[in-house]
Amino acid sequence: MDALQTAGIAPDAPGVVTADDPATVLEGLTEMLAHHRAWDRFTPAVRPRPRSAPRHTPGADRRRTP
């Protein structure tokens, strides 16, 4: 708990399991591992592109030389 507090992480944050009993922590961790990730922890890395924005074609800005 001290490490979480020092890091500024709430004990009830997504993907965090705390308990006084190691068996309870293991049970919570096992349940989360079944889902592979704590998706609630992450914010989307890519914002949706507005429909009016032009599409970028990868490599279109490179000049070809013979």
PDB file of N, CA and C in Angstrom:
ATOM      1  N   MET A   1       0.814  -1.182   0.000  1.00  0.00           N
ATOM      2  CA  MET A   1       0.000   0.000   0.000  1.00  0.00           C
ATOM      3  C   MET A   1       0.867   1.260   0.000  1.00  0.00           C
ATOM      4  N   ASP A   2       1.992   1.206   0.718  1.00  0.00           N
ATOM      5  CA  ASP A   2       2.889   2.360   0.751  1.00  0.00           C
ATOM      6  C   ASP A   2       3.453   2.648  -0.635  1.00  0.00           C
ATOM      7  N   ALA A   3       3.801   1.590  -1.369  1.00  0.00           N
ATOM      8  CA  ALA A   3       4.357   1.771  -2.721  1.00  0.00           C
ATOM      9  C   ALA A   3       3.311   2.379  -3.655  1.00  0.00           C
ATOM     10  N   LEU A   4       2.072   1.922  -3.544  1.00  0.00           N
ATOM     11  CA  LEU A   4       1.008   2.486  -4.379  1.00  0.00           C
ATOM     12  C   LEU A   4       0.804   3.961  -4.055  1.00  0.00           C
ATOM     13  N   GLN A   5       0.782   4.288  -2.772  1.00  0.00           N
ATOM     14  CA  GLN A   5       0.583   5.670  -2.362  1.00  0.00           C
ATOM     15  C   GLN A   5       1.737   6.546  -2.852  1.00  0.00           C
ATOM     16  N   THR A   6       2.966   6.070  -2.729  1.00  0.00           N
ATOM     17  CA  THR A   6       4.136   6.819  -3.188  1.00  0.00           C
ATOM     18  C   THR A   6       4.080   7.045  -4.689  1.00  0.00           C
ATOM     19  N   ALA A   7       3.593   6.056  -5.431  1.00  0.00           N
ATOM     20  CA  ALA A   7       3.504   6.162  -6.887  1.00  0.00           C
ATOM     21  C   ALA A   7       2.273   6.947  -7.338  1.00  0.00           C
ATOM     22  N   GLY A   8       1.399   7.291  -6.404  1.00  0.00           N
ATOM     23  CA  GLY A   8       0.201   8.038  -6.760  1.00  0.00           C
ATOM     24  C   GLY A   8      -0.880   7.184  -7.391  1.00  0.00           C
ATOM     25  N   ILE A   9      -0.874   5.899  -7.078  1.00  0.00           N
ATOM     26  CA  ILE A   9      -1.860   4.962  -7.639  1.00  0.00           C
ATOM     27  C   ILE A   9      -2.891   4.631  -6.570  1.00  0.00           C
ATOM     28  N   ALA A  10      -4.141   4.802  -6.916  1.00  0.00           N
ATOM     29  CA  ALA A  10      -5.223   4.491  -5.973  1.00  0.00           C
ATOM     30  C   ALA A  10      -5.328   2.982  -5.785  1.00  0.00           C
ATOM     31  N   PRO A  11      -5.571   2.518  -4.568  1.00  0.00           N
ATOM     32  CA  PRO A  11      -5.692   1.076  -4.331  1.00  0.00           C
ATOM     33  C   PRO A  11      -6.852   0.427  -5.071  1.00  0.00           C
ATOM     34  N   ASP A  12      -7.832   1.232  -5.486  1.00  0.00           N
ATOM     35  CA  ASP A  12      -8.965   0.670  -6.224  1.00  0.00           C
ATOM     36  C   ASP A  12      -8.882   0.990  -7.717  1.00  0.00           C
ATOM     37  N   ALA A  13      -7.699   1.365  -8.189  1.00  0.00           N
ATOM     38  CA  ALA A  13      -7.498   1.678  -9.610  1.00  0.00           C
ATOM     39  C   ALA A  13      -7.638   0.403 -10.451  1.00  0.00           C
ATOM     40  N   PRO A  14      -8.061   0.551 -11.714  1.00  0.00           N
ATOM     41  CA  PRO A  14      -8.173  -0.622 -12.587  1.00  0.00           C
ATOM     42  C   PRO A  14      -6.839  -1.366 -12.689  1.00  0.00           C
ATOM     43  N   GLY A  15      -6.891  -2.673 -12.548  1.00  0.00           N
ATOM     44  CA  GLY A  15      -5.699  -3.493 -12.676  1.00  0.00           C
ATOM     45  C   GLY A  15      -4.898  -3.630 -11.395  1.00  0.00           C
ATOM     46  N   VAL A  16      -5.382  -3.068 -10.295  1.00  0.00           N
ATOM     47  CA  VAL A  16      -4.681  -3.151  -9.011  1.00  0.00           C
ATOM     48  C   VAL A  16      -5.474  -4.071  -8.087  1.00  0.00           C
ATOM     49  N   VAL A  17      -4.777  -5.007  -7.462  1.00  0.00           N
ATOM     50  CA  VAL A  17      -5.414  -5.915  -6.519  1.00  0.00           C
ATOM     51  C   VAL A  17      -4.706  -5.753  -5.177  1.00  0.00           C
ATOM     52  N   THR A  18      -5.463  -5.457  -4.139  1.00  0.00           N
ATOM     53  CA  THR A  18      -4.905  -5.369  -2.796  1.00  0.00           C
ATOM     54  C   THR A  18      -5.794  -6.148  -1.844  1.00  0.00           C
ATOM     55  N   ALA A  19      -5.171  -6.741  -0.831  1.00  0.00           N
ATOM     56  CA  ALA A  19      -5.898  -7.466   0.220  1.00  0.00           C
ATOM     57  C   ALA A  19      -4.903  -7.815   1.310  1.00  0.00           C
ATOM     58  N   ASP A  20      -5.419  -8.130   2.474  1.00  0.00           N
ATOM     59  CA  ASP A  20      -4.560  -8.554   3.582  1.00  0.00           C
ATOM     60  C   ASP A  20      -4.152 -10.015   3.436  1.00  0.00           C
ATOM     61  N   ASP A  21      -4.946 -10.776   2.709  1.00  0.00           N
ATOM     62  CA  ASP A  21      -4.723 -12.216   2.556  1.00  0.00           C
ATOM     63  C   ASP A  21      -4.140 -12.516   1.177  1.00  0.00           C
ATOM     64  N   PRO A  22      -2.974 -13.154   1.104  1.00  0.00           N
ATOM     65  CA  PRO A  22      -2.378 -13.464  -0.201  1.00  0.00           C
ATOM     66  C   PRO A  22      -3.281 -14.300  -1.105  1.00  0.00           C
ATOM     67  N   ALA A  23      -4.092 -15.169  -0.547  1.00  0.00           N
ATOM     68  CA  ALA A  23      -4.990 -15.992  -1.360  1.00  0.00           C
ATOM     69  C   ALA A  23      -6.028 -15.122  -2.064  1.00  0.00           C
ATOM     70  N   THR A  24      -6.482 -14.068  -1.391  1.00  0.00           N
ATOM     71  CA  THR A  24      -7.451 -13.160  -1.995  1.00  0.00           C
ATOM     72  C   THR A  24      -6.812 -12.373  -3.129  1.00  0.00           C
ATOM     73  N   VAL A  25      -5.561 -11.952  -2.944  1.00  0.00           N
ATOM     74  CA  VAL A  25      -4.831 -11.245  -4.002  1.00  0.00           C
ATOM     75  C   VAL A  25      -4.654 -12.169  -5.203  1.00  0.00           C
ATOM     76  N   LEU A  26      -4.261 -13.414  -4.952  1.00  0.00           N
ATOM     77  CA  LEU A  26      -4.070 -14.375  -6.038  1.00  0.00           C
ATOM     78  C   LEU A  26      -5.371 -14.614  -6.792  1.00  0.00           C
ATOM     79  N   GLU A  27      -6.470 -14.719  -6.080  1.00  0.00           N
ATOM     80  CA  GLU A  27      -7.772 -14.923  -6.725  1.00  0.00           C
ATOM     81  C   GLU A  27      -8.116 -13.738  -7.630  1.00  0.00           C
ATOM     82  N   GLY A  28      -7.929 -12.519  -7.138  1.00  0.00           N
ATOM     83  CA  GLY A  28      -8.210 -11.327  -7.943  1.00  0.00           C
ATOM     84  C   GLY A  28      -7.288 -11.215  -9.136  1.00  0.00           C
ATOM     85  N   LEU A  29      -6.026 -11.529  -8.933  1.00  0.00           N
ATOM     86  CA  LEU A  29      -5.048 -11.480 -10.024  1.00  0.00           C
ATOM     87  C   LEU A  29      -5.370 -12.527 -11.089  1.00  0.00           C
ATOM     88  N   THR A  30      -5.722 -13.721 -10.671  1.00  0.00           N
ATOM     89  CA  THR A  30      -6.071 -14.784 -11.611  1.00  0.00           C
ATOM     90  C   THR A  30      -7.284 -14.396 -12.447  1.00  0.00           C
ATOM     91  N   GLU A  31      -8.254 -13.765 -11.825  1.00  0.00           N
ATOM     92  CA  GLU A  31      -9.441 -13.322 -12.563  1.00  0.00           C
ATOM     93  C   GLU A  31      -9.067 -12.265 -13.602  1.00  0.00           C
ATOM     94  N   MET A  32      -8.206 -11.323 -13.223  1.00  0.00           N
ATOM     95  CA  MET A  32      -7.793 -10.289 -14.182  1.00  0.00           C
ATOM     96  C   MET A  32      -6.964 -10.879 -15.321  1.00  0.00           C
ATOM     97  N   LEU A  33      -6.106 -11.836 -15.017  1.00  0.00           N
ATOM     98  CA  LEU A  33      -5.287 -12.451 -16.062  1.00  0.00           C
ATOM     99  C   LEU A  33      -6.141 -13.191 -17.090  1.00  0.00           C
ATOM    100  N   ALA A  34      -7.293 -13.665 -16.680  1.00  0.00           N
ATOM    101  CA  ALA A  34      -8.196 -14.341 -17.610  1.00  0.00           C
ATOM    102  C   ALA A  34      -8.683 -13.376 -18.689  1.00  0.00           C
ATOM    103  N   HIS A  35      -8.681 -12.087 -18.374  1.00  0.00           N
ATOM    104  CA  HIS A  35      -9.094 -11.064 -19.343  1.00  0.00           C
ATOM    105  C   HIS A  35      -7.904 -10.484 -20.098  1.00  0.00           C
ATOM    106  N   HIS A  36      -6.693 -10.895 -19.756  1.00  0.00           N
ATOM    107  CA  HIS A  36      -5.439 -10.530 -20.410  1.00  0.00           C
ATOM    108  C   HIS A  36      -4.964  -9.108 -20.161  1.00  0.00           C
ATOM    109  N   ARG A  37      -5.861  -8.168 -19.862  1.00  0.00           N
ATOM    110  CA  ARG A  37      -5.466  -6.781 -19.628  1.00  0.00           C
ATOM    111  C   ARG A  37      -6.488  -6.074 -18.777  1.00  0.00           C
ATOM    112  N   ALA A  38      -6.026  -5.035 -18.122  1.00  0.00           N
ATOM    113  CA  ALA A  38      -6.940  -4.148 -17.404  1.00  0.00           C
ATOM    114  C   ALA A  38      -7.245  -2.997 -18.350  1.00  0.00           C
ATOM    115  N   TRP A  39      -8.194  -3.203 -19.274  1.00  0.00           N
ATOM    116  CA  TRP A  39      -8.466  -2.224 -20.331  1.00  0.00           C
ATOM    117  C   TRP A  39      -8.892  -0.876 -19.776  1.00  0.00           C
ATOM    118  N   ASP A  40      -9.530  -0.875 -18.604  1.00  0.00           N
ATOM    119  CA  ASP A  40      -9.980   0.387 -18.025  1.00  0.00           C
ATOM    120  C   ASP A  40      -8.814   1.288 -17.629  1.00  0.00           C
ATOM    121  N   ARG A  41      -7.629   0.734 -17.521  1.00  0.00           N
ATOM    122  CA  ARG A  41      -6.468   1.508 -17.105  1.00  0.00           C
ATOM    123  C   ARG A  41      -5.969   2.438 -18.211  1.00  0.00           C
ATOM    124  N   PHE A  42      -6.189   2.080 -19.440  1.00  0.00           N
ATOM    125  CA  PHE A  42      -5.604   2.799 -20.561  1.00  0.00           C
ATOM    126  C   PHE A  42      -6.577   3.774 -21.207  1.00  0.00           C
ATOM    127  N   THR A  43      -6.058   4.912 -21.616  1.00  0.00           N
ATOM    128  CA  THR A  43      -6.844   5.826 -22.434  1.00  0.00           C
ATOM    129  C   THR A  43      -6.567   5.477 -23.892  1.00  0.00           C
ATOM    130  N   PRO A  44      -7.499   5.719 -24.786  1.00  0.00           N
ATOM    131  CA  PRO A  44      -7.258   5.402 -26.192  1.00  0.00           C
ATOM    132  C   PRO A  44      -6.024   6.135 -26.720  1.00  0.00           C
ATOM    133  N   ALA A  45      -5.174   5.427 -27.441  1.00  0.00           N
ATOM    134  CA  ALA A  45      -3.941   6.013 -27.968  1.00  0.00           C
ATOM    135  C   ALA A  45      -4.209   6.833 -29.223  1.00  0.00           C
ATOM    136  N   VAL A  46      -5.285   6.527 -29.911  1.00  0.00           N
ATOM    137  CA  VAL A  46      -5.590   7.198 -31.167  1.00  0.00           C
ATOM    138  C   VAL A  46      -6.955   7.855 -31.048  1.00  0.00           C
ATOM    139  N   ARG A  47      -6.988   9.134 -31.342  1.00  0.00           N
ATOM    140  CA  ARG A  47      -8.277   9.824 -31.353  1.00  0.00           C
ATOM    141  C   ARG A  47      -8.944   9.577 -32.694  1.00  0.00           C
ATOM    142  N   PRO A  48     -10.244   9.469 -32.695  1.00  0.00           N
ATOM    143  CA  PRO A  48     -10.950   9.291 -33.968  1.00  0.00           C
ATOM    144  C   PRO A  48     -10.683  10.472 -34.902  1.00  0.00           C
ATOM    145  N   ARG A  49     -10.483  10.188 -36.166  1.00  0.00           N
ATOM    146  CA  ARG A  49     -10.229  11.215 -37.168  1.00  0.00           C
ATOM    147  C   ARG A  49     -11.551  11.818 -37.601  1.00  0.00           C
ATOM    148  N   PRO A  50     -11.645  13.138 -37.619  1.00  0.00           N
ATOM    149  CA  PRO A  50     -12.892  13.741 -38.105  1.00  0.00           C
ATOM    150  C   PRO A  50     -13.155  13.313 -39.547  1.00  0.00           C
ATOM    151  N   ARG A  51     -14.391  13.140 -39.894  1.00  0.00           N
ATOM    152  CA  ARG A  51     -14.747  12.688 -41.243  1.00  0.00           C
ATOM    153  C   ARG A  51     -14.252  13.631 -42.324  1.00  0.00           C
ATOM    154  N   SER A  52     -14.123  14.915 -42.019  1.00  0.00           N
ATOM    155  CA  SER A  52     -13.702  15.880 -43.032  1.00  0.00           C
ATOM    156  C   SER A  52     -12.175  15.925 -43.199  1.00  0.00           C
ATOM    157  N   ALA A  53     -11.429  15.272 -42.318  1.00  0.00           N
ATOM    158  CA  ALA A  53      -9.961  15.306 -42.410  1.00  0.00           C
ATOM    159  C   ALA A  53      -9.484  14.434 -43.565  1.00  0.00           C
ATOM    160  N   PRO A  54      -8.497  14.901 -44.305  1.00  0.00           N
ATOM    161  CA  PRO A  54      -7.979  14.087 -45.416  1.00  0.00           C
ATOM    162  C   PRO A  54      -7.225  12.874 -44.888  1.00  0.00           C
ATOM    163  N   ARG A  55      -7.265  11.830 -45.645  1.00  0.00           N
ATOM    164  CA  ARG A  55      -6.537  10.615 -45.273  1.00  0.00           C
ATOM    165  C   ARG A  55      -5.081  10.751 -45.688  1.00  0.00           C
ATOM    166  N   HIS A  56      -4.208  10.204 -44.889  1.00  0.00           N
ATOM    167  CA  HIS A  56      -2.783  10.206 -45.210  1.00  0.00           C
ATOM    168  C   HIS A  56      -2.419   8.860 -45.799  1.00  0.00           C
ATOM    169  N   THR A  57      -1.768   8.883 -46.912  1.00  0.00           N
ATOM    170  CA  THR A  57      -1.312   7.650 -47.542  1.00  0.00           C
ATOM    171  C   THR A  57       0.145   7.446 -47.160  1.00  0.00           C
ATOM    172  N   PRO A  58       0.470   6.346 -46.456  1.00  0.00           N
ATOM    173  CA  PRO A  58       1.858   6.121 -46.056  1.00  0.00           C
ATOM    174  C   PRO A  58       2.788   6.139 -47.268  1.00  0.00           C
ATOM    175  N   GLY A  59       3.850   6.876 -47.154  1.00  0.00           N
ATOM    176  CA  GLY A  59       4.830   6.949 -48.223  1.00  0.00           C
ATOM    177  C   GLY A  59       4.506   7.977 -49.283  1.00  0.00           C
ATOM    178  N   ALA A  60       3.350   8.612 -49.215  1.00  0.00           N
ATOM    179  CA  ALA A  60       2.949   9.568 -50.247  1.00  0.00           C
ATOM    180  C   ALA A  60       3.807  10.827 -50.209  1.00  0.00           C
ATOM    181  N   ASP A  61       4.399  11.107 -49.050  1.00  0.00           N
ATOM    182  CA  ASP A  61       5.211  12.319 -48.945  1.00  0.00           C
ATOM    183  C   ASP A  61       6.665  12.082 -49.325  1.00  0.00           C
ATOM    184  N   ARG A  62       7.014  10.871 -49.669  1.00  0.00           N
ATOM    185  CA  ARG A  62       8.392  10.554 -50.072  1.00  0.00           C
ATOM    186  C   ARG A  62       8.549  10.783 -51.579  1.00  0.00           C
ATOM    187  N   ARG A  63       9.674  11.336 -51.938  1.00  0.00           N
ATOM    188  CA  ARG A  63       9.944  11.522 -53.363  1.00  0.00           C
ATOM    189  C   ARG A  63      10.701  10.314 -53.899  1.00  0.00           C
ATOM    190  N   ARG A  64      10.293   9.887 -55.039  1.00  0.00           N
ATOM    191  CA  ARG A  64      10.984   8.754 -55.652  1.00  0.00           C
ATOM    192  C   ARG A  64      12.077   9.259 -56.569  1.00  0.00           C
ATOM    193  N   THR A  65      13.192   8.633 -56.487  1.00  0.00           N
ATOM    194  CA  THR A  65      14.287   8.992 -57.384  1.00  0.00           C
ATOM    195  C   THR A  65      14.592   7.804 -58.264  1.00  0.00           C
ATOM    196  N   PRO A  66      14.910   8.080 -59.516  1.00  0.00           N
ATOM    197  CA  PRO A  66      15.168   6.950 -60.441  1.00  0.00           C
ATOM    198  C   PRO A  66      16.438   6.224 -60.115  1.00  0.00           C
TER     199      PRO A  66
END
